[in-house]
Amino acid sequence: MDGNTNFARRLQKQKANSKTLAIGRSDVNGFLNDLFELLFPNTSGNALYLEEDFIVEINRIKILLQKCLKILPTQQSRENLANKFFSNIEEIYNNLYLDAQAIVEGDPAAESLDEVIFSYPGFFAIYTYRIANFFYKEKVPLFPRMLSERAHQITGIDIHPGATIGKSFVIDHGTGIVIGETTVIGNNVKLYQGVTLGALSVDKSMASSKRHPTIGDGSVIYSNATLLGGETIIGKNCIIGGNVWITKSILDNTTCYHKGEMKIQKNDSITNNEEIK
């Protein structure tokens, strides 16, 4: 019992001294999910029909957001930031619709906007990024990363909230995508599963430097391509093929692909009358 008592005392002391104990995962997840259903009511079972219903729901989620922002020092700072977020929510919403529309237009399997919004993991990852990026730019500690890691957990897509991503962004399939903190992505860019936009070095001394690539407008990067380094700039309207490894800049309107060799050989050594063991 003495060992457990001492350990319990240690845990209690840790909690008492923690500056982040006010943020609960359930609150963060609740905010993310409830805001999604507010912005895209067609995907929700909630019965919101009147303007007044939406106003009530906005105010409820605003209070939930303030609870998530308890890491900030004062109640006034939480209220001010929550109000600022909702004053910007229409712009975020408009950008998300551009993202969803770009996915519909670029994916032959997508039958409707609602299908993309409701069921595509790539869209949910983009939605979460655009919310988290707002709070990252407001220099809120921890909360943006908790948001982005929730999307990572659900979708397998890891977008750092500090990345800069333009309009009409498309993630197709998406599993295994990694987008680093200082990545810059232009407008109308499309990424497939397994793409890494990473750093050449993970040395802590480089924390404040540009460590991740820049991707120009209109470029497409196919599955499992790896692009590394802050000085790596992919020009506009480039096509980056699957499985390439890029650490140098690529000019506009360039196609870059990995040339592998595949051999197909028919096995004639077994006849129909022979037993396969």
Protein backbone atom coordinates (compact mmCIF):
# COMPACT_ATOMS: atom_id res chain seq x y z
CA MET A 1 0.00 0.00 0.00
CA ASP A 2 2.86 2.40 0.78
CA GLY A 3 4.14 2.12 -2.80
CA ASN A 4 0.71 2.85 -4.24
CA THR A 5 0.19 5.73 -1.82
CA ASN A 6 3.44 7.35 -2.85
CA PHE A 7 2.62 6.87 -6.52
CA ALA A 8 -0.86 8.33 -6.06
CA ARG A 9 0.69 11.33 -4.29
CA ARG A 10 3.07 11.80 -7.23
CA LEU A 11 0.20 11.69 -9.75
CA GLN A 12 -1.82 14.15 -7.67
CA LYS A 13 1.10 16.56 -7.58
CA GLN A 14 1.56 16.27 -11.35
CA LYS A 15 -2.08 17.11 -11.95
CA ALA A 16 -2.04 20.02 -9.52
CA ASN A 17 0.95 21.55 -11.33
CA SER A 18 -0.31 20.89 -14.85
CA LYS A 19 -1.26 23.88 -17.01
CA THR A 20 -3.14 21.72 -19.49
CA LEU A 21 -5.38 19.68 -17.21
CA ALA A 22 -8.42 21.70 -18.25
CA ILE A 23 -8.45 20.28 -21.79
CA GLY A 24 -10.24 16.95 -22.05
CA ARG A 25 -10.17 14.76 -25.14
CA SER A 26 -13.92 14.27 -24.96
CA ASP A 27 -14.44 18.04 -25.09
CA VAL A 28 -12.12 18.38 -28.10
CA ASN A 29 -13.78 15.49 -29.94
CA GLY A 30 -17.23 16.83 -29.08
CA PHE A 31 -16.37 20.28 -30.42
CA LEU A 32 -15.00 18.83 -33.66
CA ASN A 33 -18.00 16.56 -34.25
CA ASP A 34 -20.68 19.05 -33.21
CA LEU A 35 -19.20 21.79 -35.37
CA PHE A 36 -19.11 19.40 -38.34
CA GLU A 37 -22.80 18.63 -37.92
CA LEU A 38 -23.59 22.34 -37.59
CA LEU A 39 -21.74 23.23 -40.79
CA PHE A 40 -23.07 20.28 -42.76
CA PRO A 41 -26.57 19.61 -41.39
CA ASN A 42 -27.46 17.29 -44.30
CA THR A 43 -25.06 14.75 -42.76
CA SER A 44 -26.63 15.02 -39.32
CA GLY A 45 -29.69 13.50 -37.72
CA ASN A 46 -30.25 16.69 -35.72
CA ALA A 47 -33.56 18.39 -36.47
CA LEU A 48 -32.36 21.92 -37.29
CA TYR A 49 -34.90 23.66 -39.50
CA LEU A 50 -35.29 27.29 -38.40
CA GLU A 51 -32.77 30.11 -38.31
CA GLU A 52 -33.30 30.28 -34.55
CA ASP A 53 -32.28 26.62 -34.23
CA PHE A 54 -28.94 27.31 -35.86
CA ILE A 55 -28.31 30.36 -33.68
CA VAL A 56 -28.98 28.31 -30.54
CA GLU A 57 -26.61 25.59 -31.78
CA ILE A 58 -23.88 28.12 -32.62
CA ASN A 59 -24.08 29.54 -29.11
CA ARG A 60 -23.96 26.07 -27.57
CA ILE A 61 -20.86 25.12 -29.56
CA LYS A 62 -19.27 28.46 -28.73
CA ILE A 63 -19.58 27.61 -25.03
CA LEU A 64 -18.08 24.16 -25.70
CA LEU A 65 -15.19 25.82 -27.54
CA GLN A 66 -14.51 28.08 -24.55
CA LYS A 67 -14.28 24.95 -22.44
CA CYS A 68 -11.65 23.59 -24.86
CA LEU A 69 -9.77 26.90 -24.59
CA LYS A 70 -9.35 26.77 -20.82
CA ILE A 71 -5.64 26.51 -21.45
CA LEU A 72 -5.81 30.27 -22.08
CA PRO A 73 -5.21 32.41 -18.97
CA THR A 74 -8.53 34.24 -18.56
CA GLN A 75 -12.21 33.75 -19.27
CA GLN A 76 -12.20 36.97 -21.27
CA SER A 77 -9.43 35.69 -23.56
CA ARG A 78 -11.42 32.49 -24.14
CA GLU A 79 -14.60 34.38 -24.97
CA ASN A 80 -12.74 36.76 -27.29
CA LEU A 81 -11.10 33.93 -29.24
CA ALA A 82 -14.33 31.92 -29.47
CA ASN A 83 -16.09 35.00 -30.84
CA LYS A 84 -13.24 35.60 -33.30
CA PHE A 85 -13.42 32.00 -34.49
CA PHE A 86 -17.13 32.22 -35.20
CA SER A 87 -16.69 35.56 -36.94
CA ASN A 88 -14.35 33.69 -39.33
CA ILE A 89 -16.36 30.49 -39.61
CA GLU A 90 -18.12 31.47 -42.83
CA GLU A 91 -14.80 31.91 -44.63
CA ILE A 92 -13.63 28.51 -43.36
CA TYR A 93 -16.96 27.03 -44.44
CA ASN A 94 -16.63 28.50 -47.95
CA ASN A 95 -13.13 27.03 -48.33
CA LEU A 96 -14.37 23.63 -47.19
CA TYR A 97 -17.08 23.67 -49.83
CA LEU A 98 -14.44 24.42 -52.46
CA ASP A 99 -12.47 21.42 -51.17
CA ALA A 100 -15.52 19.16 -51.30
CA GLN A 101 -16.47 20.36 -54.77
CA ALA A 102 -12.91 19.74 -56.03
CA ILE A 103 -13.08 16.17 -54.71
CA VAL A 104 -16.41 15.57 -56.46
CA GLU A 105 -15.09 16.94 -59.74
CA GLY A 106 -11.85 14.96 -59.54
CA ASP A 107 -13.10 11.56 -58.35
CA PRO A 108 -15.19 9.47 -60.80
CA ALA A 109 -16.41 7.38 -57.85
CA ALA A 110 -17.92 10.38 -56.03
CA GLU A 111 -21.64 10.58 -56.74
CA SER A 112 -22.55 13.69 -54.77
CA LEU A 113 -21.29 16.49 -52.56
CA ASP A 114 -23.07 14.96 -49.57
CA GLU A 115 -21.29 11.64 -50.13
CA VAL A 116 -17.90 13.36 -50.05
CA ILE A 117 -18.71 15.44 -46.98
CA PHE A 118 -20.29 12.61 -45.04
CA SER A 119 -18.03 9.67 -45.86
CA TYR A 120 -14.67 10.67 -47.37
CA PRO A 121 -11.82 10.48 -44.85
CA GLY A 122 -9.79 12.93 -46.94
CA PHE A 123 -12.47 15.57 -46.55
CA PHE A 124 -12.71 15.04 -42.80
CA ALA A 125 -8.93 15.45 -42.51
CA ILE A 126 -9.09 18.69 -44.52
CA TYR A 127 -12.01 19.93 -42.40
CA THR A 128 -10.07 19.29 -39.22
CA TYR A 129 -6.94 20.92 -40.62
CA ARG A 130 -8.78 24.13 -41.54
CA ILE A 131 -10.24 24.37 -38.03
CA ALA A 132 -6.94 23.54 -36.31
CA ASN A 133 -5.00 25.94 -38.54
CA PHE A 134 -7.09 28.88 -37.29
CA PHE A 135 -6.12 28.17 -33.69
CA TYR A 136 -2.51 27.45 -34.64
CA LYS A 137 -2.24 30.89 -36.22
CA GLU A 138 -3.75 32.36 -33.04
CA LYS A 139 -0.88 30.69 -31.15
CA VAL A 140 -3.15 28.59 -28.95
CA PRO A 141 -1.02 25.87 -27.31
CA LEU A 142 -1.88 22.16 -27.51
CA PHE A 143 -5.48 22.50 -28.75
CA PRO A 144 -4.64 22.60 -32.50
CA ARG A 145 -2.52 19.46 -32.19
CA MET A 146 -5.26 17.67 -30.28
CA LEU A 147 -7.63 18.48 -33.14
CA SER A 148 -5.25 17.31 -35.86
CA GLU A 149 -4.35 14.13 -33.99
CA ARG A 150 -8.04 13.29 -33.70
CA ALA A 151 -8.30 13.37 -37.49
CA HIS A 152 -5.05 11.38 -37.73
CA GLN A 153 -6.50 8.75 -35.43
CA ILE A 154 -9.72 8.44 -37.44
CA THR A 155 -8.40 8.73 -41.00
CA GLY A 156 -4.71 7.78 -40.96
CA ILE A 157 -3.95 11.20 -42.48
CA ASP A 158 -1.46 13.35 -40.55
CA ILE A 159 -1.66 17.08 -41.36
CA HIS A 160 0.20 19.40 -39.02
CA PRO A 161 -2.02 22.39 -38.14
CA GLY A 162 0.83 24.75 -39.01
CA ALA A 163 0.92 23.76 -42.68
CA THR A 164 -0.25 26.34 -45.23
CA ILE A 165 -2.78 24.87 -47.67
CA GLY A 166 -4.57 26.75 -50.47
CA LYS A 167 -8.07 26.43 -51.86
CA SER A 168 -9.69 23.43 -53.59
CA PHE A 169 -7.39 20.92 -51.90
CA VAL A 170 -8.02 17.26 -52.74
CA ILE A 171 -6.96 14.16 -50.84
CA ASP A 172 -7.83 10.96 -52.71
CA HIS A 173 -8.03 7.87 -50.46
CA GLY A 174 -5.44 9.47 -48.20
CA THR A 175 -4.30 6.73 -45.83
CA GLY A 176 -0.71 7.32 -44.76
CA ILE A 177 -0.38 10.92 -45.97
CA VAL A 178 1.97 13.05 -43.86
CA ILE A 179 2.12 16.85 -44.26
CA GLY A 180 4.70 18.62 -42.10
CA GLU A 181 4.40 21.88 -40.19
CA THR A 182 6.14 24.23 -42.63
CA THR A 183 4.72 22.71 -45.81
CA VAL A 184 3.21 25.21 -48.24
CA ILE A 185 0.60 23.87 -50.68
CA GLY A 186 -0.93 26.05 -53.40
CA ASN A 187 -4.43 26.01 -54.88
CA ASN A 188 -5.98 23.05 -56.74
CA VAL A 189 -3.43 20.51 -55.51
CA LYS A 190 -4.24 16.80 -55.30
CA LEU A 191 -2.50 14.18 -53.14
CA TYR A 192 -2.93 10.43 -53.20
CA GLN A 193 -2.39 7.93 -50.40
CA GLY A 194 1.00 7.49 -48.81
CA VAL A 195 2.45 10.86 -49.85
CA THR A 196 5.01 12.33 -47.45
CA LEU A 197 5.80 16.05 -47.44
CA GLY A 198 8.54 15.90 -44.84
CA ALA A 199 11.83 17.27 -43.59
CA LEU A 200 15.34 16.21 -44.56
CA SER A 201 16.41 16.53 -40.94
CA VAL A 202 14.48 16.29 -37.69
CA ASP A 203 17.11 18.09 -35.63
CA LYS A 204 15.47 20.15 -32.86
CA SER A 205 17.62 23.16 -33.69
CA MET A 206 15.67 23.52 -36.97
CA ALA A 207 12.32 24.01 -35.23
CA SER A 208 11.89 27.61 -36.40
CA SER A 209 13.13 27.06 -39.98
CA LYS A 210 11.36 26.10 -43.22
CA ARG A 211 11.82 22.32 -43.16
CA HIS A 212 9.14 21.01 -45.52
CA PRO A 213 8.46 21.35 -49.28
CA THR A 214 6.44 23.90 -51.21
CA ILE A 215 3.93 22.56 -53.75
CA GLY A 216 2.80 24.81 -56.61
CA ASP A 217 -0.75 25.41 -57.82
CA GLY A 218 -2.38 22.65 -59.84
CA SER A 219 0.14 19.92 -59.05
CA VAL A 220 -0.75 16.25 -58.57
CA ILE A 221 1.31 13.93 -56.36
CA TYR A 222 0.65 10.21 -56.72
CA SER A 223 0.79 7.47 -54.12
CA ASN A 224 3.81 6.87 -51.90
CA ALA A 225 5.82 9.77 -53.30
CA THR A 226 8.25 11.27 -50.76
CA LEU A 227 9.20 14.95 -51.03
CA LEU A 228 11.63 16.30 -48.45
CA GLY A 229 13.25 19.56 -47.44
CA GLY A 230 12.37 23.21 -46.98
CA GLU A 231 14.25 24.25 -50.09
CA THR A 232 12.39 21.75 -52.28
CA ILE A 233 9.91 23.62 -54.47
CA ILE A 234 7.58 21.77 -56.81
CA GLY A 235 6.46 24.12 -59.57
CA LYS A 236 2.96 24.77 -60.83
CA ASN A 237 1.03 22.10 -62.72
CA CYS A 238 3.56 19.35 -62.06
CA ILE A 239 2.80 15.64 -62.03
CA ILE A 240 4.80 13.68 -59.46
CA GLY A 241 4.53 9.95 -60.04
CA GLY A 242 4.20 7.26 -57.43
CA ASN A 243 7.14 6.01 -55.35
CA VAL A 244 9.51 8.84 -56.28
CA TRP A 245 11.98 10.34 -53.78
CA ILE A 246 12.52 14.07 -54.33
CA THR A 247 14.87 16.39 -52.44
CA LYS A 248 15.45 18.98 -55.18
CA SER A 249 13.18 21.55 -56.81
CA ILE A 250 11.14 20.76 -59.91
CA LEU A 251 10.26 23.37 -62.57
CA ASP A 252 6.70 24.28 -63.59
CA ASN A 253 4.82 21.90 -65.90
CA THR A 254 7.15 18.99 -65.23
CA THR A 255 6.34 15.29 -64.98
CA CYS A 256 8.56 13.30 -62.63
CA TYR A 257 8.21 9.55 -62.31
CA HIS A 258 10.03 6.49 -61.06
CA LYS A 259 10.97 4.02 -63.78
CA GLY A 260 10.88 0.55 -62.38
CA GLU A 261 11.19 -2.81 -64.07
CA MET A 262 8.57 -5.50 -63.84
CA LYS A 263 8.94 -8.95 -65.40
CA ILE A 264 6.04 -11.28 -66.09
CA GLN A 265 6.98 -14.87 -66.81
CA LYS A 266 4.58 -17.65 -67.67
CA ASN A 267 5.33 -20.80 -65.76
CA ASP A 268 5.12 -23.71 -68.23
CA SER A 269 6.94 -26.22 -66.05
CA ILE A 270 3.72 -27.72 -64.69
CA THR A 271 1.37 -29.60 -66.99
CA ASN A 272 -2.28 -30.28 -66.40
CA ASN A 273 -1.49 -33.93 -65.55
CA GLU A 274 1.07 -33.13 -62.87
CA GLU A 275 0.16 -32.89 -59.23
CA ILE A 276 1.04 -29.60 -57.59
CA LYS A 277 2.57 -30.21 -54.19
